[in-house]
Amino acid sequence: MAYVRVMMRVLAIVTTVGLFMAGGVAGASQTDQVRLPISKAESEPESGSVVVAKGDHLWKISARRLGGHATDSEIAPYWRDVIRLNTPNLRSGDPDLIYPGEVVALP
């Protein structure tokens, strides 16, 4: 089912942008990789990790994981655990500087 959604999205993007041609996608070879935008929900695996999206920070990720009704006093201890768990593995080594595409482990 997910494959069908992805293929429908590819077709919609290709036809919207006007790249659809009888011979395939203009300027693309069979070995070229195409990177498609995905929604935030699709970027969060069911497991105990999340892929950082543009504009994310560890507090926002922690709050999202705990749900929309979590208070700051509920988020703070979880956020500290996220920082402790991920600081050694972050590309920057700084929990205040995370990059889109990085994988953040969740406790």
PDB file of N, CA and C in Angstrom:
ATOM      1  N   MET A   1       0.817  -1.185   0.000  1.00  0.00           N
ATOM      2  CA  MET A   1       0.000   0.000   0.000  1.00  0.00           C
ATOM      3  C   MET A   1       0.867   1.257   0.000  1.00  0.00           C
ATOM      4  N   ALA A   2       1.945   1.249   0.797  1.00  0.00           N
ATOM      5  CA  ALA A   2       2.838   2.411   0.833  1.00  0.00           C
ATOM      6  C   ALA A   2       3.501   2.609  -0.529  1.00  0.00           C
ATOM      7  N   TYR A   3       3.832   1.517  -1.208  1.00  0.00           N
ATOM      8  CA  TYR A   3       4.441   1.597  -2.531  1.00  0.00           C
ATOM      9  C   TYR A   3       3.514   2.308  -3.505  1.00  0.00           C
ATOM     10  N   VAL A   4       2.240   1.994  -3.440  1.00  0.00           N
ATOM     11  CA  VAL A   4       1.263   2.611  -4.338  1.00  0.00           C
ATOM     12  C   VAL A   4       1.183   4.115  -4.071  1.00  0.00           C
ATOM     13  N   ARG A   5       1.176   4.519  -2.777  1.00  0.00           N
ATOM     14  CA  ARG A   5       1.128   5.950  -2.437  1.00  0.00           C
ATOM     15  C   ARG A   5       2.366   6.661  -2.968  1.00  0.00           C
ATOM     16  N   VAL A   6       3.523   6.042  -2.829  1.00  0.00           N
ATOM     17  CA  VAL A   6       4.759   6.661  -3.305  1.00  0.00           C
ATOM     18  C   VAL A   6       4.728   6.809  -4.823  1.00  0.00           C
ATOM     19  N   MET A   7       4.307   5.767  -5.513  1.00  0.00           N
ATOM     20  CA  MET A   7       4.261   5.833  -6.972  1.00  0.00           C
ATOM     21  C   MET A   7       3.246   6.868  -7.453  1.00  0.00           C
ATOM     22  N   MET A   8       2.118   6.990  -6.748  1.00  0.00           N
ATOM     23  CA  MET A   8       1.140   8.014  -7.123  1.00  0.00           C
ATOM     24  C   MET A   8       1.725   9.410  -6.917  1.00  0.00           C
ATOM     25  N   ARG A   9       2.491   9.584  -5.845  1.00  0.00           N
ATOM     26  CA  ARG A   9       3.132  10.871  -5.577  1.00  0.00           C
ATOM     27  C   ARG A   9       4.169  11.188  -6.655  1.00  0.00           C
ATOM     28  N   VAL A  10       4.952  10.184  -7.048  1.00  0.00           N
ATOM     29  CA  VAL A  10       5.958  10.378  -8.103  1.00  0.00           C
ATOM     30  C   VAL A  10       5.282  10.818  -9.388  1.00  0.00           C
ATOM     31  N   LEU A  11       4.223  10.142  -9.766  1.00  0.00           N
ATOM     32  CA  LEU A  11       3.509  10.491 -10.993  1.00  0.00           C
ATOM     33  C   LEU A  11       2.939  11.903 -10.906  1.00  0.00           C
ATOM     34  N   ALA A  12       2.384  12.255  -9.749  1.00  0.00           N
ATOM     35  CA  ALA A  12       1.820  13.601  -9.581  1.00  0.00           C
ATOM     36  C   ALA A  12       2.911  14.671  -9.691  1.00  0.00           C
ATOM     37  N   ILE A  13       4.065  14.423  -9.080  1.00  0.00           N
ATOM     38  CA  ILE A  13       5.165  15.394  -9.134  1.00  0.00           C
ATOM     39  C   ILE A  13       5.687  15.523 -10.557  1.00  0.00           C
ATOM     40  N   VAL A  14       5.899  14.389 -11.218  1.00  0.00           N
ATOM     41  CA  VAL A  14       6.455  14.403 -12.566  1.00  0.00           C
ATOM     42  C   VAL A  14       5.517  15.111 -13.534  1.00  0.00           C
ATOM     43  N   THR A  15       4.229  14.821 -13.453  1.00  0.00           N
ATOM     44  CA  THR A  15       3.298  15.459 -14.383  1.00  0.00           C
ATOM     45  C   THR A  15       3.079  16.922 -14.034  1.00  0.00           C
ATOM     46  N   THR A  16       3.100  17.280 -12.756  1.00  0.00           N
ATOM     47  CA  THR A  16       2.929  18.673 -12.353  1.00  0.00           C
ATOM     48  C   THR A  16       4.103  19.518 -12.817  1.00  0.00           C
ATOM     49  N   VAL A  17       5.291  19.001 -12.676  1.00  0.00           N
ATOM     50  CA  VAL A  17       6.486  19.744 -13.056  1.00  0.00           C
ATOM     51  C   VAL A  17       6.664  19.749 -14.566  1.00  0.00           C
ATOM     52  N   GLY A  18       6.013  18.844 -15.256  1.00  0.00           N
ATOM     53  CA  GLY A  18       6.096  18.803 -16.704  1.00  0.00           C
ATOM     54  C   GLY A  18       7.289  18.037 -17.222  1.00  0.00           C
ATOM     55  N   LEU A  19       7.807  17.109 -16.439  1.00  0.00           N
ATOM     56  CA  LEU A  19       8.986  16.350 -16.862  1.00  0.00           C
ATOM     57  C   LEU A  19       8.621  15.042 -17.538  1.00  0.00           C
ATOM     58  N   PHE A  20       7.344  14.723 -17.590  1.00  0.00           N
ATOM     59  CA  PHE A  20       6.946  13.443 -18.169  1.00  0.00           C
ATOM     60  C   PHE A  20       7.090  13.489 -19.680  1.00  0.00           C
ATOM     61  N   MET A  21       7.823  12.546 -20.197  1.00  0.00           N
ATOM     62  CA  MET A  21       8.015  12.445 -21.645  1.00  0.00           C
ATOM     63  C   MET A  21       7.841  10.996 -22.036  1.00  0.00           C
ATOM     64  N   ALA A  22       7.624  10.728 -23.296  1.00  0.00           N
ATOM     65  CA  ALA A  22       7.406   9.356 -23.761  1.00  0.00           C
ATOM     66  C   ALA A  22       8.584   8.457 -23.414  1.00  0.00           C
ATOM     67  N   GLY A  23       9.792   8.991 -23.426  1.00  0.00           N
ATOM     68  CA  GLY A  23      10.972   8.189 -23.166  1.00  0.00           C
ATOM     69  C   GLY A  23      11.345   8.115 -21.704  1.00  0.00           C
ATOM     70  N   GLY A  24      10.644   8.761 -20.814  1.00  0.00           N
ATOM     71  CA  GLY A  24      10.961   8.742 -19.398  1.00  0.00           C
ATOM     72  C   GLY A  24      11.085  10.149 -18.862  1.00  0.00           C
ATOM     73  N   VAL A  25      11.766  10.293 -17.758  1.00  0.00           N
ATOM     74  CA  VAL A  25      11.935  11.593 -17.129  1.00  0.00           C
ATOM     75  C   VAL A  25      13.070  12.322 -17.828  1.00  0.00           C
ATOM     76  N   ALA A  26      12.836  13.571 -18.191  1.00  0.00           N
ATOM     77  CA  ALA A  26      13.821  14.357 -18.936  1.00  0.00           C
ATOM     78  C   ALA A  26      15.134  14.455 -18.183  1.00  0.00           C
ATOM     79  N   GLY A  27      16.209  14.129 -18.847  1.00  0.00           N
ATOM     80  CA  GLY A  27      17.543  14.301 -18.285  1.00  0.00           C
ATOM     81  C   GLY A  27      17.940  13.270 -17.252  1.00  0.00           C
ATOM     82  N   ALA A  28      17.118  12.272 -16.984  1.00  0.00           N
ATOM     83  CA  ALA A  28      17.443  11.278 -15.963  1.00  0.00           C
ATOM     84  C   ALA A  28      17.838   9.970 -16.626  1.00  0.00           C
ATOM     85  N   SER A  29      18.855   9.361 -16.077  1.00  0.00           N
ATOM     86  CA  SER A  29      19.220   8.027 -16.554  1.00  0.00           C
ATOM     87  C   SER A  29      18.665   6.999 -15.584  1.00  0.00           C
ATOM     88  N   GLN A  30      18.780   5.742 -15.925  1.00  0.00           N
ATOM     89  CA  GLN A  30      18.239   4.698 -15.066  1.00  0.00           C
ATOM     90  C   GLN A  30      18.991   4.583 -13.757  1.00  0.00           C
ATOM     91  N   THR A  31      20.194   5.108 -13.678  1.00  0.00           N
ATOM     92  CA  THR A  31      20.979   5.005 -12.454  1.00  0.00           C
ATOM     93  C   THR A  31      20.831   6.224 -11.554  1.00  0.00           C
ATOM     94  N   ASP A  32      20.166   7.287 -12.037  1.00  0.00           N
ATOM     95  CA  ASP A  32      19.969   8.480 -11.214  1.00  0.00           C
ATOM     96  C   ASP A  32      19.009   8.173 -10.073  1.00  0.00           C
ATOM     97  N   GLN A  33      19.270   8.774  -8.910  1.00  0.00           N
ATOM     98  CA  GLN A  33      18.382   8.628  -7.767  1.00  0.00           C
ATOM     99  C   GLN A  33      17.510   9.868  -7.673  1.00  0.00           C
ATOM    100  N   VAL A  34      16.253   9.663  -7.357  1.00  0.00           N
ATOM    101  CA  VAL A  34      15.319  10.766  -7.194  1.00  0.00           C
ATOM    102  C   VAL A  34      14.937  10.820  -5.731  1.00  0.00           C
ATOM    103  N   ARG A  35      15.051  11.996  -5.119  1.00  0.00           N
ATOM    104  CA  ARG A  35      14.706  12.175  -3.713  1.00  0.00           C
ATOM    105  C   ARG A  35      13.379  12.912  -3.635  1.00  0.00           C
ATOM    106  N   LEU A  36      12.381  12.270  -3.047  1.00  0.00           N
ATOM    107  CA  LEU A  36      11.051  12.838  -2.967  1.00  0.00           C
ATOM    108  C   LEU A  36      10.801  13.406  -1.582  1.00  0.00           C
ATOM    109  N   PRO A  37      10.034  14.501  -1.482  1.00  0.00           N
ATOM    110  CA  PRO A  37       9.668  15.012  -0.167  1.00  0.00           C
ATOM    111  C   PRO A  37       8.698  14.053   0.506  1.00  0.00           C
ATOM    112  N   ILE A  38       8.849  13.893   1.809  1.00  0.00           N
ATOM    113  CA  ILE A  38       7.931  13.039   2.548  1.00  0.00           C
ATOM    114  C   ILE A  38       7.367  13.819   3.710  1.00  0.00           C
ATOM    115  N   SER A  39       6.235  13.406   4.173  1.00  0.00           N
ATOM    116  CA  SER A  39       5.611  14.103   5.295  1.00  0.00           C
ATOM    117  C   SER A  39       6.338  13.753   6.582  1.00  0.00           C
ATOM    118  N   LYS A  40       6.144  14.579   7.604  1.00  0.00           N
ATOM    119  CA  LYS A  40       6.775  14.350   8.897  1.00  0.00           C
ATOM    120  C   LYS A  40       6.349  13.012   9.481  1.00  0.00           C
ATOM    121  N   ALA A  41       5.083  12.632   9.294  1.00  0.00           N
ATOM    122  CA  ALA A  41       4.590  11.358   9.827  1.00  0.00           C
ATOM    123  C   ALA A  41       5.309  10.185   9.178  1.00  0.00           C
ATOM    124  N   GLU A  42       5.609  10.272   7.887  1.00  0.00           N
ATOM    125  CA  GLU A  42       6.308   9.185   7.210  1.00  0.00           C
ATOM    126  C   GLU A  42       7.773   9.132   7.603  1.00  0.00           C
ATOM    127  N   SER A  43       8.338  10.254   8.101  1.00  0.00           N
ATOM    128  CA  SER A  43       9.746  10.276   8.461  1.00  0.00           C
ATOM    129  C   SER A  43       9.994   9.730   9.859  1.00  0.00           C
ATOM    130  N   GLU A  44       8.950   9.456  10.608  1.00  0.00           N
ATOM    131  CA  GLU A  44       9.100   8.944  11.956  1.00  0.00           C
ATOM    132  C   GLU A  44       8.801   7.454  11.987  1.00  0.00           C
ATOM    133  N   PRO A  45       9.850   6.654  12.079  1.00  0.00           N
ATOM    134  CA  PRO A  45       9.629   5.214  12.117  1.00  0.00           C
ATOM    135  C   PRO A  45       8.888   4.807  13.388  1.00  0.00           C
ATOM    136  N   GLU A  46       8.264   3.648  13.353  1.00  0.00           N
ATOM    137  CA  GLU A  46       7.527   3.138  14.502  1.00  0.00           C
ATOM    138  C   GLU A  46       8.472   2.789  15.655  1.00  0.00           C
ATOM    139  N   SER A  47       9.736   2.537  15.333  1.00  0.00           N
ATOM    140  CA  SER A  47      10.694   2.144  16.359  1.00  0.00           C
ATOM    141  C   SER A  47      11.043   3.329  17.246  1.00  0.00           C
ATOM    142  N   GLY A  48      12.017   3.173  18.081  1.00  0.00           N
ATOM    143  CA  GLY A  48      12.403   4.201  19.027  1.00  0.00           C
ATOM    144  C   GLY A  48      13.357   5.223  18.456  1.00  0.00           C
ATOM    145  N   SER A  49      13.106   5.706  17.250  1.00  0.00           N
ATOM    146  CA  SER A  49      13.951   6.744  16.679  1.00  0.00           C
ATOM    147  C   SER A  49      13.129   7.638  15.773  1.00  0.00           C
ATOM    148  N   VAL A  50      13.705   8.789  15.429  1.00  0.00           N
ATOM    149  CA  VAL A  50      13.046   9.739  14.549  1.00  0.00           C
ATOM    150  C   VAL A  50      14.097  10.362  13.635  1.00  0.00           C
ATOM    151  N   VAL A  51      13.709  10.656  12.413  1.00  0.00           N
ATOM    152  CA  VAL A  51      14.585  11.340  11.472  1.00  0.00           C
ATOM    153  C   VAL A  51      14.321  12.837  11.614  1.00  0.00           C
ATOM    154  N   VAL A  52      15.366  13.606  11.854  1.00  0.00           N
ATOM    155  CA  VAL A  52      15.237  15.044  12.064  1.00  0.00           C
ATOM    156  C   VAL A  52      14.781  15.716  10.767  1.00  0.00           C
ATOM    157  N   ALA A  53      13.758  16.556  10.884  1.00  0.00           N
ATOM    158  CA  ALA A  53      13.261  17.341   9.754  1.00  0.00           C
ATOM    159  C   ALA A  53      13.728  18.788   9.922  1.00  0.00           C
ATOM    160  N   LYS A  54      13.698  19.547   8.833  1.00  0.00           N
ATOM    161  CA  LYS A  54      14.086  20.952   8.891  1.00  0.00           C
ATOM    162  C   LYS A  54      13.225  21.667   9.935  1.00  0.00           C
ATOM    163  N   GLY A  55      13.867  22.427  10.808  1.00  0.00           N
ATOM    164  CA  GLY A  55      13.156  23.161  11.850  1.00  0.00           C
ATOM    165  C   GLY A  55      12.994  22.401  13.153  1.00  0.00           C
ATOM    166  N   ASP A  56      13.372  21.135  13.176  1.00  0.00           N
ATOM    167  CA  ASP A  56      13.270  20.350  14.408  1.00  0.00           C
ATOM    168  C   ASP A  56      14.361  20.730  15.391  1.00  0.00           C
ATOM    169  N   HIS A  57      14.075  20.526  16.648  1.00  0.00           N
ATOM    170  CA  HIS A  57      15.063  20.582  17.719  1.00  0.00           C
ATOM    171  C   HIS A  57      14.642  19.530  18.730  1.00  0.00           C
ATOM    172  N   LEU A  58      15.532  19.188  19.650  1.00  0.00           N
ATOM    173  CA  LEU A  58      15.267  18.057  20.532  1.00  0.00           C
ATOM    174  C   LEU A  58      14.049  18.276  21.425  1.00  0.00           C
ATOM    175  N   TRP A  59      13.788  19.516  21.826  1.00  0.00           N
ATOM    176  CA  TRP A  59      12.591  19.784  22.636  1.00  0.00           C
ATOM    177  C   TRP A  59      11.334  19.494  21.813  1.00  0.00           C
ATOM    178  N   LYS A  60      11.301  19.968  20.579  1.00  0.00           N
ATOM    179  CA  LYS A  60      10.132  19.760  19.718  1.00  0.00           C
ATOM    180  C   LYS A  60       9.915  18.273  19.460  1.00  0.00           C
ATOM    181  N   ILE A  61      10.997  17.548  19.226  1.00  0.00           N
ATOM    182  CA  ILE A  61      10.898  16.104  18.987  1.00  0.00           C
ATOM    183  C   ILE A  61      10.368  15.411  20.238  1.00  0.00           C
ATOM    184  N   SER A  62      10.868  15.816  21.405  1.00  0.00           N
ATOM    185  CA  SER A  62      10.417  15.225  22.671  1.00  0.00           C
ATOM    186  C   SER A  62       8.941  15.510  22.906  1.00  0.00           C
ATOM    187  N   ALA A  63       8.528  16.744  22.676  1.00  0.00           N
ATOM    188  CA  ALA A  63       7.127  17.123  22.872  1.00  0.00           C
ATOM    189  C   ALA A  63       6.219  16.354  21.923  1.00  0.00           C
ATOM    190  N   ARG A  64       6.638  16.211  20.671  1.00  0.00           N
ATOM    191  CA  ARG A  64       5.847  15.484  19.679  1.00  0.00           C
ATOM    192  C   ARG A  64       5.709  14.016  20.089  1.00  0.00           C
ATOM    193  N   ARG A  65       6.784  13.449  20.616  1.00  0.00           N
ATOM    194  CA  ARG A  65       6.761  12.035  21.022  1.00  0.00           C
ATOM    195  C   ARG A  65       5.807  11.806  22.198  1.00  0.00           C
ATOM    196  N   LEU A  66       5.749  12.784  23.120  1.00  0.00           N
ATOM    197  CA  LEU A  66       4.899  12.632  24.300  1.00  0.00           C
ATOM    198  C   LEU A  66       3.442  12.992  24.031  1.00  0.00           C
ATOM    199  N   GLY A  67       3.180  13.638  22.919  1.00  0.00           N
ATOM    200  CA  GLY A  67       1.800  13.972  22.578  1.00  0.00           C
ATOM    201  C   GLY A  67       1.523  15.452  22.754  1.00  0.00           C
ATOM    202  N   GLY A  68       0.489  15.916  22.090  1.00  0.00           N
ATOM    203  CA  GLY A  68       0.164  17.332  22.051  1.00  0.00           C
ATOM    204  C   GLY A  68      -0.261  17.939  23.372  1.00  0.00           C
ATOM    205  N   HIS A  69      -0.644  17.127  24.339  1.00  0.00           N
ATOM    206  CA  HIS A  69      -1.135  17.675  25.603  1.00  0.00           C
ATOM    207  C   HIS A  69      -0.099  17.618  26.727  1.00  0.00           C
ATOM    208  N   ALA A  70       1.129  17.252  26.406  1.00  0.00           N
ATOM    209  CA  ALA A  70       2.178  17.171  27.429  1.00  0.00           C
ATOM    210  C   ALA A  70       2.579  18.578  27.876  1.00  0.00           C
ATOM    211  N   THR A  71       2.778  18.739  29.161  1.00  0.00           N
ATOM    212  CA  THR A  71       3.190  20.031  29.715  1.00  0.00           C
ATOM    213  C   THR A  71       4.711  20.129  29.699  1.00  0.00           C
ATOM    214  N   ASP A  72       5.223  21.345  29.882  1.00  0.00           N
ATOM    215  CA  ASP A  72       6.676  21.538  29.938  1.00  0.00           C
ATOM    216  C   ASP A  72       7.306  20.695  31.041  1.00  0.00           C
ATOM    217  N   SER A  73       6.622  20.576  32.176  1.00  0.00           N
ATOM    218  CA  SER A  73       7.192  19.791  33.285  1.00  0.00           C
ATOM    219  C   SER A  73       7.198  18.295  32.964  1.00  0.00           C
ATOM    220  N   GLU A  74       6.365  17.845  32.048  1.00  0.00           N
ATOM    221  CA  GLU A  74       6.393  16.451  31.610  1.00  0.00           C
ATOM    222  C   GLU A  74       7.430  16.241  30.516  1.00  0.00           C
ATOM    223  N   ILE A  75       7.610  17.254  29.678  1.00  0.00           N
ATOM    224  CA  ILE A  75       8.550  17.140  28.561  1.00  0.00           C
ATOM    225  C   ILE A  75      10.002  17.215  29.047  1.00  0.00           C
ATOM    226  N   ALA A  76      10.280  18.087  30.025  1.00  0.00           N
ATOM    227  CA  ALA A  76      11.657  18.366  30.456  1.00  0.00           C
ATOM    228  C   ALA A  76      12.459  17.117  30.824  1.00  0.00           C
ATOM    229  N   PRO A  77      11.958  16.202  31.665  1.00  0.00           N
ATOM    230  CA  PRO A  77      12.783  15.027  31.993  1.00  0.00           C
ATOM    231  C   PRO A  77      13.019  14.113  30.784  1.00  0.00           C
ATOM    232  N   TYR A  78      12.012  13.984  29.937  1.00  0.00           N
ATOM    233  CA  TYR A  78      12.169  13.160  28.737  1.00  0.00           C
ATOM    234  C   TYR A  78      13.196  13.794  27.803  1.00  0.00           C
ATOM    235  N   TRP A  79      13.123  15.110  27.632  1.00  0.00           N
ATOM    236  CA  TRP A  79      14.060  15.867  26.796  1.00  0.00           C
ATOM    237  C   TRP A  79      15.488  15.670  27.272  1.00  0.00           C
ATOM    238  N   ARG A  80      15.710  15.713  28.618  1.00  0.00           N
ATOM    239  CA  ARG A  80      17.058  15.485  29.172  1.00  0.00           C
ATOM    240  C   ARG A  80      17.560  14.083  28.821  1.00  0.00           C
ATOM    241  N   ASP A  81      16.661  13.097  28.880  1.00  0.00           N
ATOM    242  CA  ASP A  81      17.045  11.727  28.509  1.00  0.00           C
ATOM    243  C   ASP A  81      17.413  11.647  27.023  1.00  0.00           C
ATOM    244  N   VAL A  82      16.670  12.347  26.171  1.00  0.00           N
ATOM    245  CA  VAL A  82      16.967  12.378  24.733  1.00  0.00           C
ATOM    246  C   VAL A  82      18.350  12.982  24.511  1.00  0.00           C
ATOM    247  N   ILE A  83      18.657  14.066  25.220  1.00  0.00           N
ATOM    248  CA  ILE A  83      19.974  14.709  25.101  1.00  0.00           C
ATOM    249  C   ILE A  83      21.078  13.751  25.530  1.00  0.00           C
ATOM    250  N   ARG A  84      20.923  13.119  26.700  1.00  0.00           N
ATOM    251  CA  ARG A  84      21.940  12.186  27.206  1.00  0.00           C
ATOM    252  C   ARG A  84      22.162  11.033  26.235  1.00  0.00           C
ATOM    253  N   LEU A  85      21.083  10.524  25.663  1.00  0.00           N
ATOM    254  CA  LEU A  85      21.167   9.377  24.767  1.00  0.00           C
ATOM    255  C   LEU A  85      21.823   9.717  23.430  1.00  0.00           C
ATOM    256  N   ASN A  86      21.638  10.944  22.945  1.00  0.00           N
ATOM    257  CA  ASN A  86      22.046  11.276  21.580  1.00  0.00           C
ATOM    258  C   ASN A  86      23.295  12.127  21.439  1.00  0.00           C
ATOM    259  N   THR A  87      23.704  12.864  22.445  1.00  0.00           N
ATOM    260  CA  THR A  87      24.842  13.772  22.313  1.00  0.00           C
ATOM    261  C   THR A  87      26.088  13.088  21.745  1.00  0.00           C
ATOM    262  N   PRO A  88      26.458  11.899  22.199  1.00  0.00           N
ATOM    263  CA  PRO A  88      27.669  11.272  21.640  1.00  0.00           C
ATOM    264  C   PRO A  88      27.552  10.912  20.156  1.00  0.00           C
ATOM    265  N   ASN A  89      26.331  10.759  19.652  1.00  0.00           N
ATOM    266  CA  ASN A  89      26.144  10.294  18.276  1.00  0.00           C
ATOM    267  C   ASN A  89      25.779  11.398  17.295  1.00  0.00           C
ATOM    268  N   LEU A  90      25.586  12.622  17.764  1.00  0.00           N
ATOM    269  CA  LEU A  90      25.222  13.717  16.868  1.00  0.00           C
ATOM    270  C   LEU A  90      26.422  14.153  16.048  1.00  0.00           C
ATOM    271  N   ARG A  91      26.179  14.489  14.804  1.00  0.00           N
ATOM    272  CA  ARG A  91      27.256  14.923  13.900  1.00  0.00           C
ATOM    273  C   ARG A  91      28.015  16.102  14.496  1.00  0.00           C
ATOM    274  N   SER A  92      27.293  17.066  15.075  1.00  0.00           N
ATOM    275  CA  SER A  92      27.942  18.252  15.640  1.00  0.00           C
ATOM    276  C   SER A  92      28.478  18.002  17.044  1.00  0.00           C
ATOM    277  N   GLY A  93      27.955  16.981  17.726  1.00  0.00           N
ATOM    278  CA  GLY A  93      28.316  16.748  19.114  1.00  0.00           C
ATOM    279  C   GLY A  93      27.617  17.705  20.061  1.00  0.00           C
ATOM    280  N   ASP A  94      26.773  18.592  19.525  1.00  0.00           N
ATOM    281  CA  ASP A  94      26.072  19.617  20.295  1.00  0.00           C
ATOM    282  C   ASP A  94      24.573  19.383  20.174  1.00  0.00           C
ATOM    283  N   PRO A  95      23.871  19.115  21.287  1.00  0.00           N
ATOM    284  CA  PRO A  95      22.435  18.851  21.195  1.00  0.00           C
ATOM    285  C   PRO A  95      21.621  20.063  20.742  1.00  0.00           C
ATOM    286  N   ASP A  96      22.223  21.254  20.746  1.00  0.00           N
ATOM    287  CA  ASP A  96      21.544  22.441  20.241  1.00  0.00           C
ATOM    288  C   ASP A  96      21.710  22.598  18.736  1.00  0.00           C
ATOM    289  N   LEU A  97      22.491  21.727  18.110  1.00  0.00           N
ATOM    290  CA  LEU A  97      22.748  21.819  16.675  1.00  0.00           C
ATOM    291  C   LEU A  97      22.561  20.441  16.048  1.00  0.00           C
ATOM    292  N   ILE A  98      21.336  20.197  15.569  1.00  0.00           N
ATOM    293  CA  ILE A  98      21.048  18.948  14.888  1.00  0.00           C
ATOM    294  C   ILE A  98      20.689  19.256  13.437  1.00  0.00           C
ATOM    295  N   TYR A  99      20.942  18.302  12.565  1.00  0.00           N
ATOM    296  CA  TYR A  99      20.775  18.514  11.127  1.00  0.00           C
ATOM    297  C   TYR A  99      19.632  17.667  10.572  1.00  0.00           C
ATOM    298  N   PRO A 100      18.907  18.183   9.590  1.00  0.00           N
ATOM    299  CA  PRO A 100      17.893  17.373   8.920  1.00  0.00           C
ATOM    300  C   PRO A 100      18.521  16.104   8.356  1.00  0.00           C
ATOM    301  N   GLY A 101      17.819  15.006   8.550  1.00  0.00           N
ATOM    302  CA  GLY A 101      18.308  13.713   8.080  1.00  0.00           C
ATOM    303  C   GLY A 101      19.012  12.902   9.148  1.00  0.00           C
ATOM    304  N   GLU A 102      19.455  13.558  10.231  1.00  0.00           N
ATOM    305  CA  GLU A 102      20.067  12.809  11.324  1.00  0.00           C
ATOM    306  C   GLU A 102      18.997  11.944  12.006  1.00  0.00           C
ATOM    307  N   VAL A 103      19.420  10.816  12.526  1.00  0.00           N
ATOM    308  CA  VAL A 103      18.501   9.947  13.253  1.00  0.00           C
ATOM    309  C   VAL A 103      18.728  10.148  14.741  1.00  0.00           C
ATOM    310  N   VAL A 104      17.642  10.466  15.444  1.00  0.00           N
ATOM    311  CA  VAL A 104      17.690  10.691  16.881  1.00  0.00           C
ATOM    312  C   VAL A 104      17.009   9.518  17.558  1.00  0.00           C
ATOM    313  N   ALA A 105      17.726   8.870  18.477  1.00  0.00           N
ATOM    314  CA  ALA A 105      17.162   7.759  19.225  1.00  0.00           C
ATOM    315  C   ALA A 105      16.269   8.297  20.342  1.00  0.00           C
ATOM    316  N   LEU A 106      15.176   7.624  20.588  1.00  0.00           N
ATOM    317  CA  LEU A 106      14.242   8.038  21.634  1.00  0.00           C
ATOM    318  C   LEU A 106      14.207   6.982  22.740  1.00  0.00           C
ATOM    319  N   PRO A 107      14.243   7.440  23.989  1.00  0.00           N
ATOM    320  CA  PRO A 107      14.202   6.481  25.099  1.00  0.00           C
ATOM    321  C   PRO A 107      12.851   5.792  25.218  1.00  0.00           C
TER     322      PRO A 107
END
